[in-house]
Amino acid sequence: MSLGPLLTAPPPIPWHAFAAFSALVTGATQLALPKGTTRHRVVGYVWAALMLVIAISSFWIQEIRLVGPFSPIHLLSILVLVTVPLAVWYAHSHKVTAHRGAMIKLYVFALIGAGIFTLLPGRIMHAVVFGQ
């Protein structure tokens, strides 16, 4: 494992990857900690901000071009940009079940699921984890 390929990648790829890794750790912590506390809210805002950074930065990552400069992953980014504020609004509206469901789905599908695809051969994270 070597961070070299990631550190030499053009921006915003390193920012995107470090935000994703931070969100992965923060989200796991959030899922394990007690809910409804001040700490839960603060960590939740940090996680939501990281998810927005990940989604927004993805639009400048255009290595896989299927429709102009975009790929199917950009549809997921749009979904994240809609779902994160909606999930925060659910929490503010005390719609706990909807909030929980949206946040867990974002973590599992948008973060872990999309992250698995970054490990495919030819991708930068494949080189980071498995070497060239």
C-alpha atoms as a PDB file:
ATOM      1  CA  MET A   1       0.000   0.000   0.000  1.00  0.00           C
ATOM      2  CA  SER A   2       1.322   3.407  -0.999  1.00  0.00           C
ATOM      3  CA  LEU A   3      -0.232   6.869  -0.924  1.00  0.00           C
ATOM      4  CA  GLY A   4       2.097   7.932  -3.745  1.00  0.00           C
ATOM      5  CA  PRO A   5      -0.438   7.559  -6.589  1.00  0.00           C
ATOM      6  CA  LEU A   6      -3.008   9.518  -4.605  1.00  0.00           C
ATOM      7  CA  LEU A   7      -0.653  12.283  -3.535  1.00  0.00           C
ATOM      8  CA  THR A   8       0.581  12.799  -7.099  1.00  0.00           C
ATOM      9  CA  ALA A   9      -2.926  12.750  -8.605  1.00  0.00           C
ATOM     10  CA  PRO A  10      -4.272  16.081  -9.824  1.00  0.00           C
ATOM     11  CA  PRO A  11      -6.668  18.031  -7.628  1.00  0.00           C
ATOM     12  CA  PRO A  12      -9.417  17.434  -6.610  1.00  0.00           C
ATOM     13  CA  ILE A  13      -8.734  13.669  -6.519  1.00  0.00           C
ATOM     14  CA  PRO A  14      -6.668  13.745  -3.282  1.00  0.00           C
ATOM     15  CA  TRP A  15      -9.197  16.062  -1.553  1.00  0.00           C
ATOM     16  CA  HIS A  16     -12.042  13.827  -2.695  1.00  0.00           C
ATOM     17  CA  ALA A  17     -10.303  10.674  -1.438  1.00  0.00           C
ATOM     18  CA  PHE A  18      -9.269  12.131   1.919  1.00  0.00           C
ATOM     19  CA  ALA A  19     -12.780  13.511   2.468  1.00  0.00           C
ATOM     20  CA  ALA A  20     -14.205  10.074   1.608  1.00  0.00           C
ATOM     21  CA  PHE A  21     -11.864   8.317   4.018  1.00  0.00           C
ATOM     22  CA  SER A  22     -12.710  10.854   6.729  1.00  0.00           C
ATOM     23  CA  ALA A  23     -16.419  10.347   6.065  1.00  0.00           C
ATOM     24  CA  LEU A  24     -15.975   6.579   6.237  1.00  0.00           C
ATOM     25  CA  VAL A  25     -14.379   6.812   9.696  1.00  0.00           C
ATOM     26  CA  THR A  26     -16.697   9.583  10.927  1.00  0.00           C
ATOM     27  CA  GLY A  27     -19.773   7.724   9.694  1.00  0.00           C
ATOM     28  CA  ALA A  28     -18.755   4.473  11.360  1.00  0.00           C
ATOM     29  CA  THR A  29     -18.174   6.367  14.593  1.00  0.00           C
ATOM     30  CA  GLN A  30     -21.526   8.082  14.226  1.00  0.00           C
ATOM     31  CA  LEU A  31     -23.339   4.786  13.713  1.00  0.00           C
ATOM     32  CA  ALA A  32     -21.706   3.330  16.832  1.00  0.00           C
ATOM     33  CA  LEU A  33     -22.260   6.276  19.197  1.00  0.00           C
ATOM     34  CA  PRO A  34     -25.459   7.095  21.119  1.00  0.00           C
ATOM     35  CA  LYS A  35     -28.042   8.996  19.090  1.00  0.00           C
ATOM     36  CA  GLY A  36     -29.784  12.266  19.900  1.00  0.00           C
ATOM     37  CA  THR A  37     -26.895  13.805  21.822  1.00  0.00           C
ATOM     38  CA  THR A  38     -25.084  17.060  21.138  1.00  0.00           C
ATOM     39  CA  ARG A  39     -22.061  15.026  20.081  1.00  0.00           C
ATOM     40  CA  HIS A  40     -24.266  13.122  17.599  1.00  0.00           C
ATOM     41  CA  ARG A  41     -25.465  16.395  16.076  1.00  0.00           C
ATOM     42  CA  VAL A  42     -21.965  17.891  15.819  1.00  0.00           C
ATOM     43  CA  VAL A  43     -20.436  14.741  14.328  1.00  0.00           C
ATOM     44  CA  GLY A  44     -23.465  14.475  12.036  1.00  0.00           C
ATOM     45  CA  TYR A  45     -22.915  17.977  10.656  1.00  0.00           C
ATOM     46  CA  VAL A  46     -19.245  17.161  10.050  1.00  0.00           C
ATOM     47  CA  TRP A  47     -20.228  13.954   8.248  1.00  0.00           C
ATOM     48  CA  ALA A  48     -22.870  15.740   6.167  1.00  0.00           C
ATOM     49  CA  ALA A  49     -20.338  18.409   5.178  1.00  0.00           C
ATOM     50  CA  LEU A  50     -17.811  15.749   4.192  1.00  0.00           C
ATOM     51  CA  MET A  51     -20.440  14.011   2.046  1.00  0.00           C
ATOM     52  CA  LEU A  52     -21.204  17.287   0.285  1.00  0.00           C
ATOM     53  CA  VAL A  53     -17.475  17.888  -0.327  1.00  0.00           C
ATOM     54  CA  ILE A  54     -17.203  14.382  -1.783  1.00  0.00           C
ATOM     55  CA  ALA A  55     -20.223  14.853  -4.049  1.00  0.00           C
ATOM     56  CA  ILE A  56     -19.242  18.332  -5.256  1.00  0.00           C
ATOM     57  CA  SER A  57     -15.597  17.431  -5.861  1.00  0.00           C
ATOM     58  CA  SER A  58     -16.664  14.416  -7.942  1.00  0.00           C
ATOM     59  CA  PHE A  59     -17.839  16.707 -10.734  1.00  0.00           C
ATOM     60  CA  TRP A  60     -14.207  17.681 -11.384  1.00  0.00           C
ATOM     61  CA  ILE A  61     -13.115  14.045 -11.538  1.00  0.00           C
ATOM     62  CA  GLN A  62     -13.779  13.026 -15.092  1.00  0.00           C
ATOM     63  CA  GLU A  63     -11.588  10.015 -15.748  1.00  0.00           C
ATOM     64  CA  ILE A  64     -14.504   7.843 -16.883  1.00  0.00           C
ATOM     65  CA  ARG A  65     -16.395   9.736 -19.583  1.00  0.00           C
ATOM     66  CA  LEU A  66     -19.597   8.129 -20.802  1.00  0.00           C
ATOM     67  CA  VAL A  67     -21.827  11.161 -21.412  1.00  0.00           C
ATOM     68  CA  GLY A  68     -19.636  14.125 -22.243  1.00  0.00           C
ATOM     69  CA  PRO A  69     -17.351  14.622 -19.251  1.00  0.00           C
ATOM     70  CA  PHE A  70     -19.656  12.670 -16.920  1.00  0.00           C
ATOM     71  CA  SER A  71     -20.105   9.075 -15.804  1.00  0.00           C
ATOM     72  CA  PRO A  72     -22.894   7.230 -13.957  1.00  0.00           C
ATOM     73  CA  ILE A  73     -21.171   8.010 -10.647  1.00  0.00           C
ATOM     74  CA  HIS A  74     -22.146  11.647 -11.165  1.00  0.00           C
ATOM     75  CA  LEU A  75     -25.809  10.613 -10.913  1.00  0.00           C
ATOM     76  CA  LEU A  76     -24.971   9.289  -7.465  1.00  0.00           C
ATOM     77  CA  SER A  77     -23.342  12.635  -6.651  1.00  0.00           C
ATOM     78  CA  ILE A  78     -26.555  14.451  -7.581  1.00  0.00           C
ATOM     79  CA  LEU A  79     -28.508  12.032  -5.397  1.00  0.00           C
ATOM     80  CA  VAL A  80     -26.130  12.754  -2.493  1.00  0.00           C
ATOM     81  CA  LEU A  81     -26.511  16.521  -2.993  1.00  0.00           C
ATOM     82  CA  VAL A  82     -30.273  16.100  -2.644  1.00  0.00           C
ATOM     83  CA  THR A  83     -30.349  13.416   0.052  1.00  0.00           C
ATOM     84  CA  VAL A  84     -27.878  14.898   2.555  1.00  0.00           C
ATOM     85  CA  PRO A  85     -29.845  18.143   3.108  1.00  0.00           C
ATOM     86  CA  LEU A  86     -33.083  16.147   3.109  1.00  0.00           C
ATOM     87  CA  ALA A  87     -31.752  13.791   5.786  1.00  0.00           C
ATOM     88  CA  VAL A  88     -30.613  16.759   7.908  1.00  0.00           C
ATOM     89  CA  TRP A  89     -34.065  18.297   7.496  1.00  0.00           C
ATOM     90  CA  TYR A  90     -35.599  14.984   8.640  1.00  0.00           C
ATOM     91  CA  ALA A  91     -33.570  15.240  11.842  1.00  0.00           C
ATOM     92  CA  HIS A  92     -34.641  18.856  12.426  1.00  0.00           C
ATOM     93  CA  SER A  93     -38.253  17.836  11.808  1.00  0.00           C
ATOM     94  CA  HIS A  94     -37.938  14.961  14.317  1.00  0.00           C
ATOM     95  CA  LYS A  95     -38.608  12.401  11.564  1.00  0.00           C
ATOM     96  CA  VAL A  96     -36.139  10.038  13.179  1.00  0.00           C
ATOM     97  CA  THR A  97     -36.989   6.946  11.149  1.00  0.00           C
ATOM     98  CA  ALA A  98     -36.640   8.799   7.830  1.00  0.00           C
ATOM     99  CA  HIS A  99     -33.416  10.449   9.047  1.00  0.00           C
ATOM    100  CA  ARG A 100     -31.912   7.146  10.157  1.00  0.00           C
ATOM    101  CA  GLY A 101     -32.860   5.401   6.927  1.00  0.00           C
ATOM    102  CA  ALA A 102     -31.491   8.140   4.689  1.00  0.00           C
ATOM    103  CA  MET A 103     -28.213   8.417   6.589  1.00  0.00           C
ATOM    104  CA  ILE A 104     -27.614   4.663   6.706  1.00  0.00           C
ATOM    105  CA  LYS A 105     -28.368   4.339   2.981  1.00  0.00           C
ATOM    106  CA  LEU A 106     -25.994   7.221   2.210  1.00  0.00           C
ATOM    107  CA  TYR A 107     -23.261   5.566   4.254  1.00  0.00           C
ATOM    108  CA  VAL A 108     -23.719   2.084   2.807  1.00  0.00           C
ATOM    109  CA  PHE A 109     -24.465   2.871  -0.832  1.00  0.00           C
ATOM    110  CA  ALA A 110     -22.998   6.303  -1.578  1.00  0.00           C
ATOM    111  CA  LEU A 111     -19.861   5.911   0.512  1.00  0.00           C
ATOM    112  CA  ILE A 112     -19.022   2.217   0.856  1.00  0.00           C
ATOM    113  CA  GLY A 113     -20.668   1.086  -2.384  1.00  0.00           C
ATOM    114  CA  ALA A 114     -19.120   3.804  -4.501  1.00  0.00           C
ATOM    115  CA  GLY A 115     -15.821   3.335  -2.679  1.00  0.00           C
ATOM    116  CA  ILE A 116     -15.663  -0.305  -3.719  1.00  0.00           C
ATOM    117  CA  PHE A 117     -15.730   0.769  -7.368  1.00  0.00           C
ATOM    118  CA  THR A 118     -12.637   2.919  -6.797  1.00  0.00           C
ATOM    119  CA  LEU A 119     -10.718  -0.287  -6.153  1.00  0.00           C
ATOM    120  CA  LEU A 120     -11.187  -1.565  -9.729  1.00  0.00           C
ATOM    121  CA  PRO A 121      -8.004  -2.056 -11.770  1.00  0.00           C
ATOM    122  CA  GLY A 122      -6.905   1.114 -13.530  1.00  0.00           C
ATOM    123  CA  ARG A 123      -8.267   3.419 -10.827  1.00  0.00           C
ATOM    124  CA  ILE A 124      -6.011   5.451  -8.541  1.00  0.00           C
ATOM    125  CA  MET A 125      -7.268   3.823  -5.345  1.00  0.00           C
ATOM    126  CA  HIS A 126      -6.499   0.392  -6.836  1.00  0.00           C
ATOM    127  CA  ALA A 127      -2.891   1.536  -7.215  1.00  0.00           C
ATOM    128  CA  VAL A 128      -2.913   2.917  -3.658  1.00  0.00           C
ATOM    129  CA  VAL A 129      -4.252  -0.260  -2.062  1.00  0.00           C
ATOM    130  CA  PHE A 130      -2.851  -2.986  -4.307  1.00  0.00           C
ATOM    131  CA  GLY A 131       0.175  -1.297  -5.913  1.00  0.00           C
ATOM    132  CA  GLN A 132       0.713  -0.709  -9.629  1.00  0.00           C
END
